Structures are given as C-alpha cells and as structure tokens.
Amino acid sequence: MKTLSATYKGERVVELFEEIDLPKDIVVLVVIPGQEDEEEADIDEMEWLRAAAANPAFDFLKEPEEDISLADERPFCDQG
C-alpha cells in the first residue's frame, strides 16, 4: 500500500502533492488533522459499524457463497 499526501480542494477534488499513475479503482482514507480534543475525535462503535456496513469494500460478503450458518458445521482445520 502506498501512502500519499494531498489537499482537498472542495467539490470532490483532491490534489496530490506528487504525480503518480493511479489504477481505475482506488481506496481513499481521509485523515483530518488538528482534532486536539481526544473526546471529540472518538467515533462511537455504532458509527464505525454503520460506515463498515455501507462500505463497498465489503460487498463481496453479500454473495450467497459467503452466507454461512450453523447448518454448515464443518470443522476448521488449519493446514498451515
């Protein structure tokens, strides 16, 4: 994973500090500096869960083959 610095210019425009070739699909993590009050910076667990549930990175979990239940009771056997 490569880390880059950038500036948000508004209107969904991000300006990178260096020029690189980006793939068509990328994941962007936004870190907002300057939140001095730790209590303000904390996000409660439900907010994290809502964000994760809405994140398209986890869409593969909606596939039928990813749906498991107790009826699938197969023992886990680590071959490592």
Foldseek 3Di string as FASTA:
>chain_A
DDDWDWDDPDPPDIGTPDDDDDDPDDDDDDDDPDPPDVVVVDDDPVVVVVCVVPDCVCVVCVDPVNDDDVVVPDDDDDPD
